[in-house]
Amino acid sequence: MELNTIKDAFDRVSKKQRLSTSKAQEVVDQVGREIETALAKMQSSADVASALDQKAFLKELSNKLKEIGPINQLEGSLKELNIALSKYAKLLEKSFIPDISKAYRNVDFDSHIVNQIIASHFYRQGLFELGDCFVNEANEPEAATLKFPFLEMYRILEAMKSRNLGPALTWSATNRECLLKNGSNLELKLHRLQFVEILQKGSRGDALQYARRHLTPFAWTHMAELQKLMCGILWAGRLDQSPYAELLSPTDWEKLAEELTQQFCRLLGQSYESPLSVAIAAGIQGLPTLLKLMNVMAAKKQEWQVMKQLPVPVDLGREFQFHSIFVCPVSREQGSEENPPMLMPCGHVLCKQSIVKLSKSSTRTFKCPYCPLEATVAQCRQLYF
């Protein structure tokens, strides 16, 4: 069942819950107002009223509360909420398969590499104590070396949260050549942010001095941007009221912290996203297809442990595509070194095994399955991605 169906059911439960809460608050407010009104009457006439009058006030309050009928008012909304919750629970039970072991395939894992991946995940998330604990329990002392680069990265990021760009500027200056090779102007962005901070404090002379010392080297390649910054000097201390107020955007700090994290990981030879997180996310997305496949194969009494390739495509979306992949449109098999993609004279591409089956001979011509043109195996050329 599609996740959208589950999401719609959850949204209905959430809506019913909000309506029930709103109704309950409305009833409580009604009861509270009646009680406060009765108390005010009793207090205002406490000196002159008799015990019978007090009882009359209480009886009047009791009658009004009966008219309000708080229980009756709440029963309807609570009943609708309970029905929605019941349907949602049944939908979850029907949609999710509790036993996912059927989609498991026996693969020989290198436990050392797996431990390295897990430890690296904890460290890159800033969970240093948890990473140390895992390294000790897994008896992987070598994995502890992954900790130190990320310690430096989080030290820089913590300083940026406090509006301190010093550590980030030092790191970018140290790695200037590598950043330039990667096509990153991170150092300029950090200096620009520091320049704006000085301007915001109203120190025009300090801002000009900082620009001469740190921004001048970027003049040849970023003249237009530096001209804008120089015009901002005229609005020192009141930059938020100037035509350059966008320089104070708070999102600049967040974007720069994210870019620094990306470049830091790149210089370490690490991906920006944790490999463990990506693998789990891809597994979750592909699991429904695998479970359906297992059910079909179990009904046909087939064993997928001996299969080299899946008989059905598992579409994980472009966010999980890290290199070019070719799937033959005829055999639906993924290209490999033994079965590479082949370009036909007509421009269509098939896997080598499909072309061999269509030709039935190395010299015999065969018709392309997607156009009227004919070709021979010798005319097809292997493609390299």
Protein backbone atom coordinates (compact mmCIF):
# COMPACT_ATOMS: atom_id res chain seq x y z
CA MET A 1 0.00 0.00 0.00
CA GLU A 2 1.25 3.45 -0.86
CA LEU A 3 2.71 5.59 1.88
CA ASN A 4 0.44 8.42 0.73
CA THR A 5 -2.57 6.41 1.92
CA ILE A 6 -1.01 6.01 5.36
CA LYS A 7 -0.14 9.69 5.45
CA ASP A 8 -3.73 10.65 4.57
CA ALA A 9 -5.01 8.43 7.39
CA PHE A 10 -2.54 9.99 9.81
CA ASP A 11 -3.61 13.47 8.72
CA ARG A 12 -7.24 12.55 9.42
CA VAL A 13 -6.32 11.37 12.92
CA SER A 14 -4.37 14.56 13.50
CA LYS A 15 -7.30 16.68 12.33
CA LYS A 16 -9.78 14.81 14.56
CA GLN A 17 -7.40 15.21 17.50
CA ARG A 18 -7.19 18.98 16.97
CA LEU A 19 -10.98 19.24 16.70
CA SER A 20 -11.43 17.16 19.85
CA THR A 21 -8.92 19.30 21.76
CA SER A 22 -10.59 22.49 20.57
CA LYS A 23 -14.03 21.19 21.58
CA ALA A 24 -12.77 20.11 25.01
CA GLN A 25 -11.23 23.53 25.60
CA GLU A 26 -14.49 25.19 24.55
CA VAL A 27 -16.50 23.08 27.00
CA VAL A 28 -14.03 23.71 29.83
CA ASP A 29 -14.26 27.45 29.18
CA GLN A 30 -18.08 27.30 29.30
CA VAL A 31 -18.08 25.43 32.60
CA GLY A 32 -15.46 27.78 34.01
CA ARG A 33 -17.46 30.87 33.12
CA GLU A 34 -20.62 29.51 34.77
CA ILE A 35 -18.70 28.62 37.95
CA GLU A 36 -17.08 32.07 38.09
CA THR A 37 -20.50 33.73 37.60
CA ALA A 38 -22.02 31.67 40.43
CA LEU A 39 -19.09 32.47 42.75
CA ALA A 40 -19.41 36.17 42.01
CA LYS A 41 -23.12 36.11 42.91
CA MET A 42 -22.48 34.24 46.12
CA GLN A 43 -19.66 36.56 47.18
CA SER A 44 -21.57 39.76 46.38
CA SER A 45 -24.56 38.70 48.47
CA ALA A 46 -22.71 36.81 51.22
CA ASP A 47 -23.57 39.35 53.90
CA VAL A 48 -27.30 39.66 53.26
CA ALA A 49 -28.20 36.34 51.68
CA SER A 50 -29.46 33.46 53.73
CA ALA A 51 -28.40 29.82 53.47
CA LEU A 52 -31.43 29.22 51.25
CA ASP A 53 -30.21 31.84 48.79
CA GLN A 54 -26.80 30.17 48.66
CA LYS A 55 -28.44 26.84 47.91
CA ALA A 56 -30.48 28.56 45.19
CA PHE A 57 -27.30 29.82 43.56
CA LEU A 58 -25.80 26.33 43.63
CA LYS A 59 -28.98 24.81 42.21
CA GLU A 60 -28.98 27.40 39.43
CA LEU A 61 -25.37 26.53 38.66
CA SER A 62 -26.21 22.82 38.61
CA ASN A 63 -29.06 23.43 36.15
CA LYS A 64 -26.86 25.46 33.82
CA LEU A 65 -24.17 22.80 33.86
CA LYS A 66 -26.79 20.22 32.95
CA GLU A 67 -27.90 22.45 30.06
CA ILE A 68 -24.31 22.70 28.84
CA GLY A 69 -23.96 18.91 29.03
CA PRO A 70 -20.16 18.75 28.85
CA ILE A 71 -20.05 14.96 28.63
CA ASN A 72 -22.57 14.85 25.81
CA GLN A 73 -20.68 17.53 23.90
CA LEU A 74 -17.38 15.70 24.22
CA GLU A 75 -18.75 12.27 23.35
CA GLY A 76 -19.23 13.10 19.68
CA SER A 77 -15.73 14.44 18.98
CA LEU A 78 -14.06 11.71 21.05
CA LYS A 79 -16.05 9.02 19.23
CA GLU A 80 -14.89 10.36 15.85
CA LEU A 81 -11.30 10.48 17.11
CA ASN A 82 -11.45 6.90 18.37
CA ILE A 83 -12.89 5.70 15.04
CA ALA A 84 -10.10 7.45 13.12
CA LEU A 85 -7.47 5.97 15.47
CA SER A 86 -8.93 2.49 15.10
CA LYS A 87 -8.91 2.72 11.30
CA TYR A 88 -5.35 4.05 11.34
CA ALA A 89 -4.13 1.19 13.53
CA LYS A 90 -5.76 -1.38 11.23
CA LEU A 91 -4.26 0.31 8.17
CA LEU A 92 -0.78 0.19 9.72
CA GLU A 93 -1.22 -3.47 10.61
CA LYS A 94 -2.35 -4.23 7.06
CA SER A 95 0.32 -2.11 5.34
CA PHE A 96 3.46 -3.03 7.23
CA ILE A 97 4.90 -6.52 7.28
CA PRO A 98 6.37 -7.18 10.72
CA ASP A 99 8.71 -9.90 9.45
CA ILE A 100 11.13 -8.30 6.99
CA SER A 101 13.65 -11.13 7.27
CA LYS A 102 12.27 -12.57 4.02
CA ALA A 103 13.99 -9.75 2.13
CA TYR A 104 17.33 -10.61 3.73
CA ARG A 105 19.99 -12.07 1.54
CA ASN A 106 23.03 -13.89 2.89
CA VAL A 107 25.99 -11.66 2.14
CA ASP A 108 29.45 -11.97 3.58
CA PHE A 109 30.13 -8.67 5.36
CA ASP A 110 33.53 -7.54 6.53
CA SER A 111 32.73 -6.77 10.17
CA HIS A 112 35.77 -4.50 10.42
CA ILE A 113 34.54 -2.29 7.58
CA VAL A 114 30.99 -2.24 8.98
CA ASN A 115 32.31 -1.16 12.38
CA GLN A 116 34.35 1.58 10.71
CA ILE A 117 31.22 2.86 8.93
CA ILE A 118 29.18 2.90 12.15
CA ALA A 119 31.91 4.66 14.13
CA SER A 120 32.38 7.21 11.36
CA HIS A 121 28.63 7.86 11.36
CA PHE A 122 28.60 8.67 15.08
CA TYR A 123 31.61 10.95 14.80
CA ARG A 124 30.35 12.85 11.75
CA GLN A 125 27.06 13.46 13.60
CA GLY A 126 28.96 14.95 16.54
CA LEU A 127 28.08 12.03 18.84
CA PHE A 128 31.65 11.62 20.07
CA GLU A 129 30.90 9.92 23.40
CA LEU A 130 28.62 7.41 21.69
CA GLY A 131 31.27 6.81 19.02
CA ASP A 132 33.95 6.18 21.66
CA CYS A 133 31.65 3.77 23.49
CA PHE A 134 30.96 1.84 20.28
CA VAL A 135 34.65 1.71 19.37
CA ASN A 136 35.50 0.28 22.78
CA GLU A 137 32.71 -2.32 22.76
CA ALA A 138 33.43 -3.36 19.18
CA ASN A 139 37.15 -3.55 19.97
CA GLU A 140 38.05 -1.34 17.01
CA PRO A 141 40.74 1.04 18.36
CA GLU A 142 41.77 2.04 14.82
CA ALA A 143 38.32 3.55 14.22
CA ALA A 144 39.01 6.14 16.92
CA THR A 145 41.29 7.97 14.47
CA LEU A 146 38.17 8.99 12.53
CA LYS A 147 37.16 11.13 15.50
CA PHE A 148 39.82 13.84 15.40
CA PRO A 149 39.02 15.47 12.02
CA PHE A 150 35.35 15.77 12.95
CA LEU A 151 36.28 17.20 16.35
CA GLU A 152 37.93 20.07 14.52
CA MET A 153 34.93 20.50 12.22
CA TYR A 154 32.47 20.73 15.11
CA ARG A 155 34.78 23.11 16.96
CA ILE A 156 34.59 25.42 13.94
CA LEU A 157 30.81 25.04 13.64
CA GLU A 158 30.25 25.73 17.36
CA ALA A 159 32.33 28.88 17.05
CA MET A 160 30.21 29.99 14.07
CA LYS A 161 27.06 29.54 16.17
CA SER A 162 28.55 32.10 18.55
CA ARG A 163 29.27 34.46 15.63
CA ASN A 164 32.98 33.71 15.87
CA LEU A 165 34.49 33.21 12.42
CA GLY A 166 38.10 33.02 13.57
CA PRO A 167 38.51 29.20 13.48
CA ALA A 168 36.67 28.97 10.15
CA LEU A 169 38.88 31.66 8.58
CA THR A 170 42.03 29.96 9.85
CA TRP A 171 40.93 26.61 8.41
CA SER A 172 39.96 28.11 5.03
CA ALA A 173 43.30 29.94 4.77
CA THR A 174 45.19 26.74 5.58
CA ASN A 175 43.27 24.82 2.89
CA ARG A 176 43.07 27.67 0.37
CA GLU A 177 44.65 25.82 -2.55
CA CYS A 178 42.48 22.74 -2.10
CA LEU A 179 39.32 24.85 -1.87
CA LEU A 180 40.23 26.69 -5.08
CA LYS A 181 40.82 23.37 -6.87
CA ASN A 182 37.32 22.35 -5.82
CA GLY A 183 35.94 25.60 -7.26
CA SER A 184 34.89 26.87 -3.83
CA ASN A 185 35.05 30.55 -2.80
CA LEU A 186 34.36 29.69 0.83
CA GLU A 187 37.18 31.90 2.12
CA LEU A 188 35.73 34.96 0.39
CA LYS A 189 32.28 34.25 1.83
CA LEU A 190 33.72 33.98 5.33
CA HIS A 191 35.61 37.28 4.95
CA ARG A 192 32.48 38.93 3.57
CA LEU A 193 30.47 37.77 6.59
CA GLN A 194 33.19 39.04 8.95
CA PHE A 195 33.24 42.38 7.11
CA VAL A 196 29.47 42.73 7.49
CA GLU A 197 29.74 41.96 11.23
CA ILE A 198 32.26 44.79 11.62
CA LEU A 199 30.00 47.15 9.65
CA GLN A 200 27.01 46.26 11.81
CA LYS A 201 28.95 47.32 14.90
CA GLY A 202 29.36 50.74 13.32
CA SER A 203 33.14 50.77 13.02
CA ARG A 204 33.68 52.28 9.57
CA GLY A 205 37.47 52.59 9.91
CA ASP A 206 37.88 49.00 11.11
CA ALA A 207 35.72 47.77 8.24
CA LEU A 208 37.81 49.64 5.67
CA GLN A 209 41.02 48.35 7.19
CA TYR A 210 39.69 44.78 7.19
CA ALA A 211 38.66 45.09 3.53
CA ARG A 212 42.11 46.32 2.51
CA ARG A 213 43.80 43.45 4.31
CA HIS A 214 41.53 40.52 3.51
CA LEU A 215 39.22 41.38 0.59
CA THR A 216 41.71 43.00 -1.77
CA PRO A 217 43.14 39.64 -3.01
CA PHE A 218 39.67 38.77 -4.38
CA ALA A 219 39.20 42.04 -6.29
CA TRP A 220 40.20 40.68 -9.69
CA THR A 221 37.67 37.87 -9.68
CA HIS A 222 34.81 39.31 -7.58
CA MET A 223 34.88 43.04 -8.32
CA ALA A 224 31.08 43.56 -8.45
CA GLU A 225 30.58 41.89 -5.08
CA LEU A 226 33.36 43.88 -3.44
CA GLN A 227 31.97 47.13 -4.84
CA LYS A 228 28.67 46.38 -3.13
CA LEU A 229 30.47 45.76 0.15
CA MET A 230 32.39 49.02 -0.17
CA CYS A 231 29.15 50.94 -0.69
CA GLY A 232 27.91 49.37 2.52
CA ILE A 233 30.60 51.29 4.41
CA LEU A 234 28.49 54.43 3.95
CA TRP A 235 25.76 52.76 6.03
CA ALA A 236 27.96 51.57 8.88
CA GLY A 237 25.91 50.96 12.03
CA ARG A 238 22.61 51.17 10.14
CA LEU A 239 23.08 48.59 7.43
CA ASP A 240 19.58 47.22 8.11
CA GLN A 241 18.15 50.52 6.83
CA SER A 242 20.26 50.55 3.67
CA PRO A 243 19.72 49.21 0.15
CA TYR A 244 22.15 46.45 1.17
CA ALA A 245 20.06 45.05 4.02
CA GLU A 246 20.17 41.59 2.39
CA LEU A 247 23.77 41.32 3.58
CA LEU A 248 22.35 40.81 7.08
CA SER A 249 20.25 37.79 6.16
CA PRO A 250 20.46 35.26 9.05
CA THR A 251 20.27 32.39 6.56
CA ASP A 252 23.74 33.36 5.28
CA TRP A 253 25.23 31.92 8.46
CA GLU A 254 23.33 28.65 8.08
CA LYS A 255 24.20 28.28 4.40
CA LEU A 256 27.85 29.03 5.07
CA ALA A 257 28.00 26.48 7.90
CA GLU A 258 26.50 23.87 5.56
CA GLU A 259 28.96 24.73 2.79
CA LEU A 260 31.88 24.55 5.23
CA THR A 261 30.70 21.10 6.33
CA GLN A 262 30.52 19.95 2.71
CA GLN A 263 33.99 21.22 1.88
CA PHE A 264 35.45 19.85 5.12
CA CYS A 265 34.12 16.36 4.37
CA ARG A 266 35.25 16.63 0.76
CA LEU A 267 38.82 17.44 1.77
CA LEU A 268 38.74 14.45 4.12
CA GLY A 269 37.70 12.24 1.21
CA GLN A 270 34.32 11.69 2.85
CA SER A 271 30.85 12.18 1.44
CA TYR A 272 28.69 14.97 2.83
CA GLU A 273 25.93 12.52 3.72
CA SER A 274 26.71 9.68 6.09
CA PRO A 275 27.06 6.41 4.10
CA LEU A 276 25.17 4.61 6.87
CA SER A 277 22.25 7.06 6.67
CA VAL A 278 22.14 6.79 2.87
CA ALA A 279 22.21 2.98 2.98
CA ILE A 280 19.40 2.83 5.55
CA ALA A 281 17.28 5.37 3.65
CA ALA A 282 17.75 3.46 0.39
CA GLY A 283 16.91 0.17 2.11
CA ILE A 284 13.71 1.59 3.57
CA GLN A 285 12.64 2.92 0.19
CA GLY A 286 13.37 -0.33 -1.64
CA LEU A 287 12.07 -2.70 1.06
CA PRO A 288 8.39 -2.78 -0.09
CA THR A 289 9.42 -3.88 -3.59
CA LEU A 290 11.72 -6.56 -2.21
CA LEU A 291 9.02 -7.91 0.10
CA LYS A 292 6.54 -8.13 -2.77
CA LEU A 293 9.16 -9.93 -4.84
CA MET A 294 9.82 -12.41 -2.02
CA ASN A 295 6.11 -13.20 -1.70
CA VAL A 296 5.82 -13.84 -5.45
CA MET A 297 8.92 -16.02 -5.51
CA ALA A 298 7.81 -17.94 -2.43
CA ALA A 299 4.49 -18.69 -4.14
CA LYS A 300 6.40 -20.00 -7.18
CA LYS A 301 8.80 -21.91 -4.91
CA GLN A 302 11.80 -20.06 -6.27
CA GLU A 303 14.91 -19.10 -4.30
CA TRP A 304 16.36 -15.64 -4.78
CA GLN A 305 19.58 -16.36 -2.90
CA VAL A 306 21.06 -17.89 -6.06
CA MET A 307 20.06 -14.98 -8.32
CA LYS A 308 22.80 -12.63 -9.52
CA GLN A 309 20.37 -9.82 -10.41
CA LEU A 310 16.89 -8.83 -9.33
CA PRO A 311 14.19 -9.64 -11.90
CA VAL A 312 12.41 -6.34 -11.19
CA PRO A 313 13.78 -2.78 -11.07
CA VAL A 314 13.98 -1.06 -7.67
CA ASP A 315 13.47 2.65 -8.29
CA LEU A 316 15.20 4.58 -5.51
CA GLY A 317 15.02 8.04 -7.06
CA ARG A 318 17.78 10.30 -8.34
CA GLU A 319 19.03 11.15 -4.84
CA PHE A 320 20.43 7.61 -4.61
CA GLN A 321 22.11 7.57 -8.02
CA PHE A 322 25.83 8.13 -7.66
CA HIS A 323 27.05 6.85 -11.04
CA SER A 324 25.65 6.07 -14.47
CA ILE A 325 23.58 2.91 -14.69
CA PHE A 326 22.32 1.29 -17.88
CA VAL A 327 19.44 -1.16 -17.88
CA CYS A 328 18.77 -3.01 -21.12
CA PRO A 329 15.26 -2.15 -22.38
CA VAL A 330 14.86 -5.69 -23.79
CA SER A 331 16.20 -8.00 -21.07
CA ARG A 332 15.70 -5.51 -18.19
CA GLU A 333 19.16 -6.50 -16.95
CA GLN A 334 21.65 -3.98 -15.63
CA GLY A 335 24.79 -3.52 -17.71
CA SER A 336 28.00 -5.07 -16.42
CA GLU A 337 31.54 -5.82 -17.59
CA GLU A 338 30.39 -9.19 -18.91
CA ASN A 339 27.22 -7.72 -20.45
CA PRO A 340 28.10 -4.12 -21.46
CA PRO A 341 25.81 -1.65 -23.26
CA MET A 342 26.22 -1.63 -27.04
CA LEU A 343 25.39 1.22 -29.39
CA MET A 344 23.63 0.17 -32.59
CA PRO A 345 24.01 2.09 -35.90
CA CYS A 346 20.48 3.44 -35.53
CA GLY A 347 21.37 5.05 -32.19
CA HIS A 348 19.49 2.68 -29.88
CA VAL A 349 21.37 0.95 -27.07
CA LEU A 350 20.96 -2.67 -25.92
CA CYS A 351 23.02 -4.96 -23.75
CA LYS A 352 25.48 -7.27 -25.53
CA GLN A 353 23.61 -10.44 -24.61
CA SER A 354 20.36 -9.06 -26.05
CA ILE A 355 22.11 -8.20 -29.33
CA VAL A 356 23.64 -11.69 -29.54
CA LYS A 357 20.23 -13.30 -28.99
CA LEU A 358 18.59 -11.08 -31.62
CA SER A 359 21.26 -11.73 -34.23
CA LYS A 360 21.61 -15.50 -33.62
CA SER A 361 24.83 -15.16 -35.60
CA SER A 362 27.77 -12.76 -35.71
CA THR A 363 27.29 -12.13 -39.45
CA ARG A 364 23.52 -12.20 -39.72
CA THR A 365 21.63 -8.92 -39.79
CA PHE A 366 18.81 -8.34 -37.34
CA LYS A 367 16.14 -5.70 -36.95
CA CYS A 368 16.31 -3.20 -34.12
CA PRO A 369 13.38 -3.84 -31.73
CA TYR A 370 12.66 -0.10 -31.57
CA CYS A 371 12.98 1.04 -35.19
CA PRO A 372 12.89 -0.46 -38.75
CA LEU A 373 16.70 -0.29 -39.27
CA GLU A 374 18.82 -3.43 -39.42
CA ALA A 375 22.36 -4.05 -38.16
CA THR A 376 24.97 -6.74 -37.55
CA VAL A 377 26.90 -7.50 -34.37
CA ALA A 378 30.09 -6.15 -35.96
CA GLN A 379 28.44 -2.77 -36.50
CA CYS A 380 27.60 -2.37 -32.78
CA ARG A 381 30.04 -0.52 -30.57
CA GLN A 382 30.51 -0.85 -26.83
CA LEU A 383 29.61 2.19 -24.75
CA TYR A 384 31.57 3.37 -21.72
CA PHE A 385 29.93 5.50 -19.02
